[in-house]
Protein backbone atom coordinates (compact mmCIF):
# COMPACT_ATOMS: atom_id res chain seq x y z
CA UNK A 1 101.34 126.46 90.46
CA UNK A 2 101.24 126.76 94.26
CA UNK A 3 99.28 123.50 94.44
CA UNK A 4 101.86 121.76 92.24
CA UNK A 5 104.74 122.99 94.39
CA UNK A 6 102.97 122.14 97.64
CA UNK A 7 102.18 118.59 96.55
CA UNK A 8 105.70 118.02 95.27
CA UNK A 9 107.23 119.29 98.51
CA UNK A 10 104.87 117.14 100.57
CA UNK A 11 105.83 114.04 98.59
CA UNK A 12 109.54 114.91 98.69
CA UNK A 13 109.57 115.56 102.44
CA UNK A 14 107.73 112.27 103.02
CA UNK A 15 110.33 110.39 100.97
CA UNK A 16 113.23 112.13 102.68
CA UNK A 17 111.69 111.07 105.99
CA UNK A 18 111.78 107.49 104.72
CA UNK A 19 115.46 107.94 103.93
CA UNK A 20 116.08 109.23 107.42
CA UNK A 21 114.47 106.07 108.78
CA UNK A 22 116.21 103.63 106.43
CA UNK A 23 118.53 104.82 103.68
CA UNK A 24 120.13 101.57 102.54
CA UNK A 25 118.81 99.20 99.87
CA UNK A 26 116.78 96.48 101.53
CA UNK A 27 116.21 93.52 99.19
CA UNK A 28 117.82 91.85 96.14
CA UNK A 29 116.37 94.20 93.51
CA UNK A 30 117.58 97.38 95.16
CA UNK A 31 120.93 95.87 96.16
CA UNK A 32 121.49 94.86 92.54
CA UNK A 33 120.61 98.28 91.13
CA UNK A 34 123.06 99.92 93.55
CA UNK A 35 125.81 97.41 92.76
CA UNK A 36 125.45 98.13 89.03
CA UNK A 37 125.27 101.89 89.58
CA UNK A 38 128.52 101.89 91.56
CA UNK A 39 130.23 99.87 88.85
CA UNK A 40 129.03 102.36 86.24
CA UNK A 41 130.15 105.33 88.34
CA UNK A 42 133.57 103.73 88.77
CA UNK A 43 133.95 103.34 85.00
CA UNK A 44 133.54 99.57 84.89
CA UNK A 45 130.46 99.59 82.66
CA UNK A 46 127.44 97.34 83.05
CA UNK A 47 128.95 94.59 85.18
CA UNK A 48 128.55 92.96 88.59
CA UNK A 49 130.68 90.48 90.47
CA UNK A 50 127.66 88.53 91.68
CA UNK A 51 125.23 86.02 90.23
CA UNK A 52 122.07 87.01 92.05
CA UNK A 53 119.99 84.45 90.13
CA UNK A 54 121.23 81.92 87.58
CA UNK A 55 118.68 83.05 85.01
CA UNK A 56 121.15 85.89 84.38
CA UNK A 57 123.72 83.40 83.10
CA UNK A 58 121.44 81.03 81.19
CA UNK A 59 119.72 79.21 84.05
CA UNK A 60 122.63 76.80 84.66
CA UNK A 61 126.33 76.76 85.49
CA UNK A 62 127.97 78.33 82.43
CA UNK A 63 130.72 76.56 80.52
CA UNK A 64 133.04 79.34 81.70
CA UNK A 65 131.82 80.28 85.21
CA UNK A 66 133.54 83.61 85.81
CA UNK A 67 133.00 86.70 87.91
CA UNK A 68 132.38 89.53 87.31
CA UNK A 69 129.66 89.07 84.69
CA UNK A 70 127.93 91.42 82.28
CA UNK A 71 124.95 92.84 84.15
CA UNK A 72 121.28 93.41 83.38
CA UNK A 73 120.39 90.18 81.66
CA UNK A 74 117.15 90.35 83.63
CA UNK A 75 116.54 93.85 85.01
CA UNK A 76 116.40 97.05 83.00
CA UNK A 77 119.03 99.82 83.40
CA UNK A 78 117.23 103.04 84.34
CA UNK A 79 117.19 102.46 88.11
CA UNK A 80 120.99 102.18 88.02
CA UNK A 81 121.60 104.97 85.51
CA UNK A 82 119.78 107.65 87.53
CA UNK A 83 122.06 106.99 90.51
CA UNK A 84 125.32 107.59 88.67
CA UNK A 85 125.41 111.44 88.70
CA UNK A 86 124.55 111.46 92.40
CA UNK A 87 127.29 108.93 93.16
CA UNK A 88 129.77 111.09 91.27
CA UNK A 89 128.64 114.12 93.28
CA UNK A 90 128.14 112.59 96.74
CA UNK A 91 130.23 109.44 96.61
CA UNK A 92 129.13 105.78 96.78
CA UNK A 93 126.80 106.25 99.75
CA UNK A 94 123.35 104.96 100.54
CA UNK A 95 121.98 108.52 100.44
CA UNK A 96 123.47 109.18 97.01
CA UNK A 97 121.77 106.08 95.60
CA UNK A 98 118.38 106.76 97.19
CA UNK A 99 118.13 110.52 96.63
CA UNK A 100 117.26 110.46 92.90
CA UNK A 101 114.32 108.17 93.60
CA UNK A 102 112.95 110.60 96.19
CA UNK A 103 113.36 113.52 93.79
CA UNK A 104 111.83 111.76 90.79
CA UNK A 105 109.13 109.83 92.62
CA UNK A 106 107.82 112.96 94.35
CA UNK A 107 106.65 114.19 90.93
CA UNK A 108 103.83 111.62 91.05
CA UNK A 109 101.84 113.74 93.54
CA UNK A 110 101.49 116.92 91.42
CA UNK A 111 101.11 114.69 88.36
CA UNK A 112 98.03 113.18 90.00
CA UNK A 113 96.57 116.62 90.57
CA UNK A 114 97.20 117.54 86.92
CA UNK A 115 95.50 114.36 85.70
CA UNK A 116 92.47 115.09 87.87
CA UNK A 117 92.26 118.66 86.67
CA UNK A 118 92.47 117.51 83.05
CA UNK A 119 89.75 114.96 83.71
CA UNK A 120 87.43 117.70 84.96
CA UNK A 121 87.29 116.39 88.50
CA UNK A 122 86.42 118.66 91.42
CA UNK A 123 89.43 120.28 93.15
CA UNK A 124 88.84 118.31 96.35
CA UNK A 125 89.31 115.09 94.41
CA UNK A 126 92.42 116.23 92.56
CA UNK A 127 94.15 117.66 95.60
CA UNK A 128 93.11 114.79 97.87
CA UNK A 129 94.36 112.20 95.38
CA UNK A 130 97.62 114.15 95.10
CA UNK A 131 98.08 113.91 98.87
CA UNK A 132 97.30 110.19 98.82
CA UNK A 133 99.84 109.68 96.03
CA UNK A 134 102.44 111.56 98.06
CA UNK A 135 102.05 108.80 100.67
CA UNK A 136 100.57 105.90 98.67
CA UNK A 137 99.23 103.50 101.28
CA UNK A 138 101.30 100.51 102.28
CA UNK A 139 103.37 100.82 99.09
CA UNK A 140 104.73 104.12 100.42
CA UNK A 141 107.67 102.47 102.18
CA UNK A 142 109.13 101.34 98.83
CA UNK A 143 109.10 104.82 97.30
CA UNK A 144 112.55 105.82 98.57
CA UNK A 145 114.21 102.52 97.74
CA UNK A 146 116.76 102.52 94.86
CA UNK A 147 114.36 100.42 92.80
CA UNK A 148 112.03 101.06 89.88
CA UNK A 149 108.92 101.93 91.95
CA UNK A 150 109.51 105.68 91.90
CA UNK A 151 110.46 105.64 88.23
CA UNK A 152 107.81 103.38 86.79
CA UNK A 153 104.93 105.02 88.65
CA UNK A 154 105.12 108.59 87.26
CA UNK A 155 106.28 107.45 83.83
CA UNK A 156 103.41 105.03 83.26
CA UNK A 157 100.85 107.33 84.89
CA UNK A 158 102.11 110.12 82.63
CA UNK A 159 101.87 107.87 79.59
CA UNK A 160 98.29 106.88 80.44
CA UNK A 161 97.47 110.55 81.01
CA UNK A 162 98.84 111.51 77.59
CA UNK A 163 97.01 108.58 76.01
CA UNK A 164 93.78 109.77 77.62
CA UNK A 165 94.35 113.23 76.17
CA UNK A 166 94.93 111.55 72.83
CA UNK A 167 91.60 109.76 73.13
CA UNK A 168 90.01 113.19 73.54
CA UNK A 169 91.60 114.45 70.37
CA UNK A 170 95.20 115.53 71.09
CA UNK A 171 97.52 113.80 68.58
CA UNK A 172 100.69 115.24 70.11
CA UNK A 173 99.73 113.93 73.54
CA UNK A 174 99.21 110.46 72.13
CA UNK A 175 102.66 110.52 70.51
CA UNK A 176 104.15 111.70 73.83
CA UNK A 177 102.51 108.71 75.50
CA UNK A 178 104.71 106.47 73.38
CA UNK A 179 107.87 108.27 74.53
CA UNK A 180 106.91 107.98 78.21
CA UNK A 181 106.05 104.32 77.74
CA UNK A 182 109.48 103.77 76.22
CA UNK A 183 111.29 105.44 79.10
CA UNK A 184 109.10 103.45 81.51
CA UNK A 185 110.24 100.26 79.77
CA UNK A 186 113.84 101.24 80.53
CA UNK A 187 112.90 101.01 84.19
CA UNK A 188 110.80 97.86 83.89
CA UNK A 189 110.03 95.46 81.05
CA UNK A 190 106.31 95.73 81.81
CA UNK A 191 106.38 99.08 80.03
CA UNK A 192 105.79 96.95 76.95
CA UNK A 193 102.27 96.42 78.27
CA UNK A 194 101.71 100.15 78.10
CA UNK A 195 102.70 100.18 74.43
CA UNK A 196 100.22 97.36 73.90
CA UNK A 197 97.52 99.44 75.58
CA UNK A 198 98.34 102.35 73.27
CA UNK A 199 97.80 99.99 70.35
CA UNK A 200 94.46 98.91 71.79
CA UNK A 201 93.49 102.56 72.27
CA UNK A 202 94.26 103.26 68.61
CA UNK A 203 92.19 100.28 67.49
CA UNK A 204 89.35 101.24 69.81
CA UNK A 205 89.34 104.76 68.36
CA UNK A 206 89.12 103.29 64.88
CA UNK A 207 86.28 101.00 65.97
CA UNK A 208 84.36 103.95 67.44
CA UNK A 209 84.71 105.79 64.18
CA UNK A 210 83.23 102.84 62.30
CA UNK A 211 80.53 101.81 64.74
CA UNK A 212 78.79 103.30 67.73
CA UNK A 213 79.18 101.98 71.25
CA UNK A 214 76.75 101.74 74.16
CA UNK A 215 74.03 103.49 72.23
CA UNK A 216 76.34 106.33 71.23
CA UNK A 217 76.62 107.23 67.53
CA UNK A 218 79.71 106.91 65.40
CA UNK A 219 82.22 109.74 65.72
CA UNK A 220 85.25 110.97 63.82
CA UNK A 221 88.74 109.59 64.39
CA UNK A 222 90.55 111.24 67.29
CA UNK A 223 93.93 109.51 66.99
CA UNK A 224 95.37 110.09 63.50
CA UNK A 225 97.59 107.41 62.01
CA UNK A 226 100.51 109.85 62.19
CA UNK A 227 100.06 110.14 65.98
CA UNK A 228 100.10 106.35 66.37
CA UNK A 229 103.22 106.07 64.21
CA UNK A 230 104.80 108.87 66.20
CA UNK A 231 104.06 107.05 69.48
CA UNK A 232 105.70 103.87 68.21
CA UNK A 233 108.67 105.79 66.79
CA UNK A 234 109.26 107.66 70.05
CA UNK A 235 108.93 104.43 72.01
CA UNK A 236 111.51 102.80 69.76
CA UNK A 237 113.82 105.81 70.08
CA UNK A 238 113.73 105.44 73.86
CA UNK A 239 114.28 101.70 74.14
CA UNK A 240 116.01 100.94 70.84
CA UNK A 241 119.61 101.59 71.94
CA UNK A 242 119.20 99.39 75.00
CA UNK A 243 117.69 96.50 73.07
CA UNK A 244 120.45 96.77 70.48
CA UNK A 245 122.89 96.46 73.38
CA UNK A 246 121.07 93.37 74.64
CA UNK A 247 121.21 91.76 71.20
CA UNK A 248 124.88 92.56 70.79
CA UNK A 249 125.79 91.39 74.30
CA UNK A 250 123.49 88.42 74.89
CA UNK A 251 122.01 87.64 71.48
CA UNK A 252 118.51 88.14 72.90
CA UNK A 253 116.19 91.02 73.73
CA UNK A 254 115.32 89.39 77.05
CA UNK A 255 118.10 86.97 78.04
CA UNK A 256 116.56 85.78 81.31
CA UNK A 257 113.27 85.05 79.55
CA UNK A 258 115.14 83.10 76.89
CA UNK A 259 116.48 80.81 79.61
CA UNK A 260 112.91 79.70 80.34
CA UNK A 261 113.24 80.49 84.04
CA UNK A 262 110.87 83.45 83.85
CA UNK A 263 107.97 81.79 82.05
CA UNK A 264 108.21 78.01 82.45
CA UNK A 265 108.50 77.39 86.17
CA UNK A 266 105.77 75.71 88.21
CA UNK A 267 106.41 77.54 91.47
CA UNK A 268 108.63 80.31 92.76
CA UNK A 269 111.05 77.79 94.31
CA UNK A 270 112.09 76.73 90.81
CA UNK A 271 113.12 80.32 90.01
CA UNK A 272 116.27 79.73 92.05
CA UNK A 273 116.95 76.19 90.82
CA UNK A 274 119.42 75.11 88.14
CA UNK A 275 118.49 71.41 88.19
CA UNK A 276 114.78 71.89 87.46
CA UNK A 277 113.94 72.00 83.73
CA UNK A 278 112.75 75.36 82.43
CA UNK A 279 110.80 74.34 79.35
CA UNK A 280 107.23 74.59 78.13
CA UNK A 281 106.92 70.80 78.41
CA UNK A 282 107.94 71.02 82.06
CA UNK A 283 105.32 73.66 82.76
CA UNK A 284 102.53 71.82 80.94
CA UNK A 285 103.62 68.57 82.57
CA UNK A 286 102.13 69.69 85.86
CA UNK A 287 98.70 68.93 84.41
CA UNK A 288 95.77 71.08 83.31
CA UNK A 289 94.19 71.29 86.76
CA UNK A 290 97.28 72.43 88.68
CA UNK A 291 98.21 74.78 85.82
CA UNK A 292 94.82 76.50 85.92
CA UNK A 293 94.93 76.57 89.72
CA UNK A 294 98.31 78.29 89.67
CA UNK A 295 96.94 80.97 87.31
CA UNK A 296 93.90 81.53 89.52
CA UNK A 297 96.16 81.76 92.57
CA UNK A 298 98.27 84.36 90.76
CA UNK A 299 95.19 86.45 89.97
CA UNK A 300 93.94 86.22 93.55
CA UNK A 301 97.38 87.16 94.85
CA UNK A 302 97.47 90.19 92.54
CA UNK A 303 94.05 91.36 93.71
CA UNK A 304 94.99 90.91 97.38
CA UNK A 305 98.35 92.67 96.98
CA UNK A 306 96.79 95.64 95.20
CA UNK A 307 93.94 95.84 97.69
CA UNK A 308 96.33 95.89 100.66
CA UNK A 309 99.35 97.81 99.45
CA UNK A 310 97.60 100.40 97.28
CA UNK A 311 93.92 100.32 98.17
CA UNK A 312 94.51 99.80 101.93
CA UNK A 313 91.26 97.81 101.62
CA UNK A 314 88.90 100.68 102.44
CA UNK A 315 89.61 102.54 99.18
CA UNK A 316 88.75 99.60 96.95
CA UNK A 317 84.90 99.97 97.00
CA UNK A 318 84.95 103.70 96.13
CA UNK A 319 87.71 103.05 93.58
CA UNK A 320 85.44 100.57 91.82
CA UNK A 321 82.52 102.99 92.07
CA UNK A 322 84.63 105.76 90.55
CA UNK A 323 85.84 103.49 87.76
CA UNK A 324 82.26 102.49 86.97
CA UNK A 325 81.14 106.13 86.86
CA UNK A 326 83.93 106.91 84.37
CA UNK A 327 83.65 103.74 82.32
CA UNK A 328 82.45 105.63 79.23
CA UNK A 329 84.96 108.46 79.60
CA UNK A 330 87.58 108.04 76.88
CA UNK A 331 90.08 109.89 79.08
CA UNK A 332 90.17 106.93 81.48
CA UNK A 333 90.06 104.30 78.74
CA UNK A 334 93.87 103.75 78.67
CA UNK A 335 93.94 103.45 82.48
CA UNK A 336 91.16 100.87 82.53
CA UNK A 337 92.82 99.05 79.62
CA UNK A 338 96.20 98.94 81.37
CA UNK A 339 94.55 97.68 84.56
CA UNK A 340 92.86 94.85 82.71
CA UNK A 341 96.00 93.93 80.76
CA UNK A 342 98.21 94.04 83.86
CA UNK A 343 95.96 91.78 85.94
CA UNK A 344 95.49 89.40 83.01
CA UNK A 345 99.23 89.27 82.33
CA UNK A 346 99.93 88.66 86.00
CA UNK A 347 97.44 85.80 86.10
CA UNK A 348 98.33 84.11 82.81
CA UNK A 349 102.04 84.77 82.28
CA UNK A 350 103.75 85.69 85.55
CA UNK A 351 101.42 84.08 88.08
CA UNK A 352 104.11 82.34 90.12
CA UNK A 353 106.14 85.57 90.39
CA UNK A 354 103.22 87.67 91.67
CA UNK A 355 103.58 86.79 95.39
CA UNK A 356 107.33 87.44 95.13
CA UNK A 357 106.80 91.13 94.42
CA UNK A 358 106.81 91.43 90.65
CA UNK A 359 103.17 92.53 90.51
CA UNK A 360 103.36 95.46 92.92
CA UNK A 361 106.34 96.88 91.00
CA UNK A 362 103.98 97.34 88.05
CA UNK A 363 100.77 98.00 89.97
CA UNK A 364 102.12 101.17 91.62
CA UNK A 365 101.61 102.83 88.24
CA UNK A 366 97.85 102.60 88.92
CA UNK A 367 98.16 104.73 92.05
CA UNK A 368 97.58 108.25 90.61
CA UNK A 369 94.54 107.38 88.51
CA UNK A 370 93.37 104.88 91.11
CA UNK A 371 93.28 107.40 93.93
CA UNK A 372 91.52 109.92 91.70
CA UNK A 373 88.83 107.33 90.96
CA UNK A 374 88.65 106.36 94.63
CA UNK A 375 87.87 109.91 95.77
CA UNK A 376 85.55 110.40 92.81
CA UNK A 377 83.84 107.23 93.96
CA UNK A 378 83.44 108.67 97.46
CA UNK A 379 81.32 111.47 95.99
CA UNK A 380 79.44 109.02 93.77
CA UNK A 381 78.58 106.82 96.77
CA UNK A 382 77.64 109.89 98.85
CA UNK A 383 75.28 111.02 96.08
CA UNK A 384 73.77 107.55 95.89
CA UNK A 385 73.20 107.53 99.66
CA UNK A 386 71.83 111.08 99.51
CA UNK A 387 69.00 109.96 97.24
CA UNK A 388 67.86 107.60 99.99
CA UNK A 389 68.26 109.85 103.02
CA UNK A 390 66.42 112.97 104.01
CA UNK A 391 68.36 116.04 105.09
CA UNK A 392 71.52 114.62 103.52
CA UNK A 393 73.83 116.99 101.68
CA UNK A 394 75.69 114.71 99.21
CA UNK A 395 78.41 117.26 98.46
CA UNK A 396 79.12 118.01 102.10
CA UNK A 397 79.02 114.31 102.94
CA UNK A 398 81.33 113.52 100.03
CA UNK A 399 83.83 116.13 101.18
CA UNK A 400 83.74 114.80 104.73
CA UNK A 401 84.26 111.20 103.65
CA UNK A 402 86.98 112.24 101.20
CA UNK A 403 88.89 114.01 103.97
CA UNK A 404 88.46 110.91 106.11
CA UNK A 405 89.75 108.66 103.32
CA UNK A 406 92.82 110.83 102.74
CA UNK A 407 93.53 111.04 106.45
CA UNK A 408 93.23 107.29 106.85
CA UNK A 409 95.50 106.72 103.86
CA UNK A 410 98.21 109.03 105.17
CA UNK A 411 98.11 107.47 108.65
CA UNK A 412 98.25 103.95 107.17
CA UNK A 413 101.24 104.91 105.00
CA UNK A 414 103.20 106.33 107.92
CA UNK A 415 102.27 103.61 110.39
CA UNK A 416 102.89 100.85 107.86
CA UNK A 417 106.45 101.97 107.20
CA UNK A 418 107.68 101.28 110.75
CA UNK A 419 107.29 97.47 110.84
CA UNK A 420 108.74 97.18 107.33
CA UNK A 421 111.77 99.24 108.30
CA UNK A 422 112.14 97.10 111.39
CA UNK A 423 112.18 93.93 109.26
CA UNK A 424 114.68 95.47 106.87
CA UNK A 425 116.87 96.52 109.80
CA UNK A 426 117.01 92.94 111.07
CA UNK A 427 118.29 91.76 107.68
CA UNK A 428 120.73 94.67 107.51
CA UNK A 429 122.12 93.79 110.92
CA UNK A 430 122.60 90.14 109.89
CA UNK A 431 124.56 91.13 106.81
CA UNK A 432 126.57 93.73 108.70
CA UNK A 433 127.46 91.06 111.28
CA UNK A 434 128.74 88.80 108.51
CA UNK A 435 130.84 91.65 107.12
CA UNK A 436 132.29 92.33 110.58
CA UNK A 437 133.15 88.65 111.11
CA UNK A 438 134.90 88.39 107.75
CA UNK A 439 136.84 91.59 108.32
CA UNK A 440 137.84 90.54 111.84
CA UNK A 441 139.25 87.30 110.41
CA UNK A 442 141.19 89.27 107.77
CA UNK A 443 139.33 87.48 104.97
CA UNK A 444 140.63 88.86 101.64
CA UNK A 445 138.29 91.11 99.69
CA UNK A 446 138.74 88.76 96.73
CA UNK A 447 137.16 85.79 98.55
CA UNK A 448 133.80 84.83 97.10
CA UNK A 449 130.64 84.18 99.08
CA UNK A 450 127.62 81.98 98.44
CA UNK A 451 124.44 83.28 100.10
CA UNK A 452 120.71 83.53 99.57
CA UNK A 453 121.12 87.21 98.65
CA UNK A 454 124.36 87.57 96.72
CA UNK A 455 123.75 91.23 95.80
CA UNK A 456 123.06 92.11 99.42
CA UNK A 457 126.23 90.36 100.59
CA UNK A 458 128.18 92.22 97.93
CA UNK A 459 126.77 95.52 99.18
CA UNK A 460 127.51 94.88 102.85
CA UNK A 461 130.72 92.85 102.73
CA UNK A 462 132.32 94.21 99.57
CA UNK A 463 132.84 90.63 98.34
CA UNK A 464 131.32 89.09 95.22
CA UNK A 465 129.77 85.68 94.92
CA UNK A 466 126.77 83.66 93.82
CA UNK A 467 123.31 82.81 95.04
CA UNK A 468 122.63 79.72 97.14
CA UNK A 469 120.66 77.63 94.65
CA UNK A 470 117.47 75.81 95.56
CA UNK A 471 118.78 72.36 94.64
CA UNK A 472 120.24 69.28 96.36
CA UNK A 473 123.41 69.79 98.37
CA UNK A 474 125.45 68.05 95.67
CA UNK A 475 124.41 70.76 93.19
CA UNK A 476 125.24 73.45 95.72
CA UNK A 477 128.71 71.91 95.92
CA UNK A 478 129.04 71.96 92.13
CA UNK A 479 128.20 75.67 92.05
CA UNK A 480 130.68 76.39 94.83
CA UNK A 481 133.42 74.50 93.01
CA UNK A 482 132.70 76.12 89.65
CA UNK A 483 132.93 79.65 91.04
CA UNK A 484 135.70 79.09 93.57
CA UNK A 485 133.46 79.98 96.49
CA UNK A 486 135.33 80.41 99.78
CA UNK A 487 132.48 81.06 102.23
CA UNK A 488 128.90 79.89 102.66
CA UNK A 489 126.49 82.19 104.51
CA UNK A 490 123.32 80.55 105.80
CA UNK A 491 120.57 82.74 107.24
CA UNK A 492 118.03 80.93 109.38
CA UNK A 493 115.20 83.21 108.28
CA UNK A 494 115.95 82.86 104.56
CA UNK A 495 117.47 79.70 103.14
CA UNK A 496 116.79 76.65 100.96
CA UNK A 497 115.64 73.15 101.97
CA UNK A 498 119.06 71.60 101.28
CA UNK A 499 120.60 73.79 103.99
CA UNK A 500 118.07 72.82 106.68
CA UNK A 501 120.03 69.77 107.98
CA UNK A 502 123.18 71.87 108.27
CA UNK A 503 121.41 74.63 110.19
CA UNK A 504 119.80 71.99 112.41
CA UNK A 505 123.23 70.86 113.57
CA UNK A 506 123.55 67.77 111.39
CA UNK A 507 126.84 66.51 110.00
CA UNK A 508 128.60 68.92 107.67
CA UNK A 509 129.36 67.95 104.08
CA UNK A 510 133.05 67.24 103.59
CA UNK A 511 133.54 70.49 101.70
CA UNK A 512 132.47 72.66 104.64
CA UNK A 513 134.60 73.52 107.65
CA UNK A 514 133.73 74.56 111.21
CA UNK A 515 131.88 77.91 111.34
CA UNK A 516 133.81 81.15 111.32
CA UNK A 517 130.67 82.72 112.79
CA UNK A 518 127.81 80.88 114.47
CA UNK A 519 125.17 83.34 115.53
CA UNK A 520 121.50 82.84 116.38
CA UNK A 521 120.39 84.21 112.99
CA UNK A 522 123.27 83.55 110.61
CA UNK A 523 126.15 81.09 110.28
CA UNK A 524 129.29 81.48 108.12
CA UNK A 525 131.14 78.35 106.99
CA UNK A 526 134.44 78.09 105.13
CA UNK A 527 134.07 76.29 101.81
CA UNK A 528 136.87 73.93 100.82
CA UNK A 529 136.69 73.08 97.14
CA UNK A 530 140.42 72.48 96.71
CA UNK A 531 142.56 69.85 98.39
CA UNK A 532 144.62 70.76 101.42
CA UNK A 533 142.52 73.75 102.49
CA UNK A 534 143.47 74.20 106.18
CA UNK A 535 140.20 75.94 107.07
CA UNK A 536 138.24 72.67 106.98
CA UNK A 537 138.03 70.13 109.74
CA UNK A 538 139.53 67.48 107.48
CA UNK A 539 142.44 68.75 105.40
CA UNK A 540 143.01 67.47 101.94
CA UNK A 541 139.34 67.07 101.03
CA UNK A 542 138.73 66.96 97.32
CA UNK A 543 135.11 67.61 96.34
């Protein structure tokens, strides 16, 4: 118990230190989750007064373009729901939104130790992997963000742990894996992949009972049919109410996927476009060669992202060695199955979204088992080297290298957080400057803003609005007119091609006025979509 408490406190203190360095949400996902949570806490239900991406409203300008809109047509609700009690208790503050993620995410460290102990690994491996999970490489900086990282990681790792126990003959554990997979799905749709892996584990168990494998004889069934049914039933109990809500509200289990924008885009630029078709014909129209190339690029990107953010490069070789040494261990079967399914899904289905961050949100679930296998692999590689060296103590060498690996991982996690926080601070300062300029000009709180990060602008300025679409300037004007946009915020570091001539000092479209704010990093223009608006250089402009 002392080890469990120590690892939890280590992970919690590390996450609280992250909060001390940067407590606010930092990117569209986390801004959105906070916006929804505050609406829920205020009694307004699942709603937001922003369109952060048009896939949430069908991938085009709706027939009735209104704000606010019903939320969560794309993202799942758990990352917002866990914030609500803390907002009630502490108020709508950055700390209140981030705290539950520190408290919940810290559980991943002792969970890792428990998985290692259950797997029969040496204490040095279990404890060392728990420490690494407390500060998980270059993904560590995301662990205090109000996002699904700190929810999805322990839930999926716990599900894979229970599934591994089920593969060793614990029916109740296998059923519990279904419940954890269901709750994980409430934080991220990719939890469905975990349910698929549970199905594969059940089929594999049946296959092993019918035929041997790898020279091993047939064995009795370890996962009874009742346990598999129980896993599915508990999964459905967890996610069923939410999916019923989605059907009742949107008429679809996955509204953003139904728009085609998730699956049928050729590159990530089309994700933020409303003019580009989002159909299977459009995707296939790029040609077989480019289509295959885009899938290969997605796989390579996934491997690179995992190797850098989780494996910090040096842990990848021992991680592979550890996985190979445990390849016949049924306990790790679900983990290896999920890894294969996740990388395959990322390459085949969501390849263009991988570089944008979607992959690492799911891949952090591999951290606990992955670090256990990495430190196991250190001992495996030390033993291999010991057979080729005289006067070499493999156990002592393994312990030394394991301590070195853990130390390197912790240092990399801490050092890697500083430049990320610095980058986030630059964006925060830009948005705060926009808020100050609007407030100084007595801009009404009801005025709507168009920007590249509508959720972020809502968080910092208190004003709703829509995303700056990645389309020609005429389409941008149509969006502004439809939603009654009053201000256009252009950030030089993050924008769309259509805005480049404006930022370069070219002539302004007739529906834009002289800047309210013209800084080195961000410019704020009045938008005149109705005739006679005095804020524009030429009054009486009609778009």
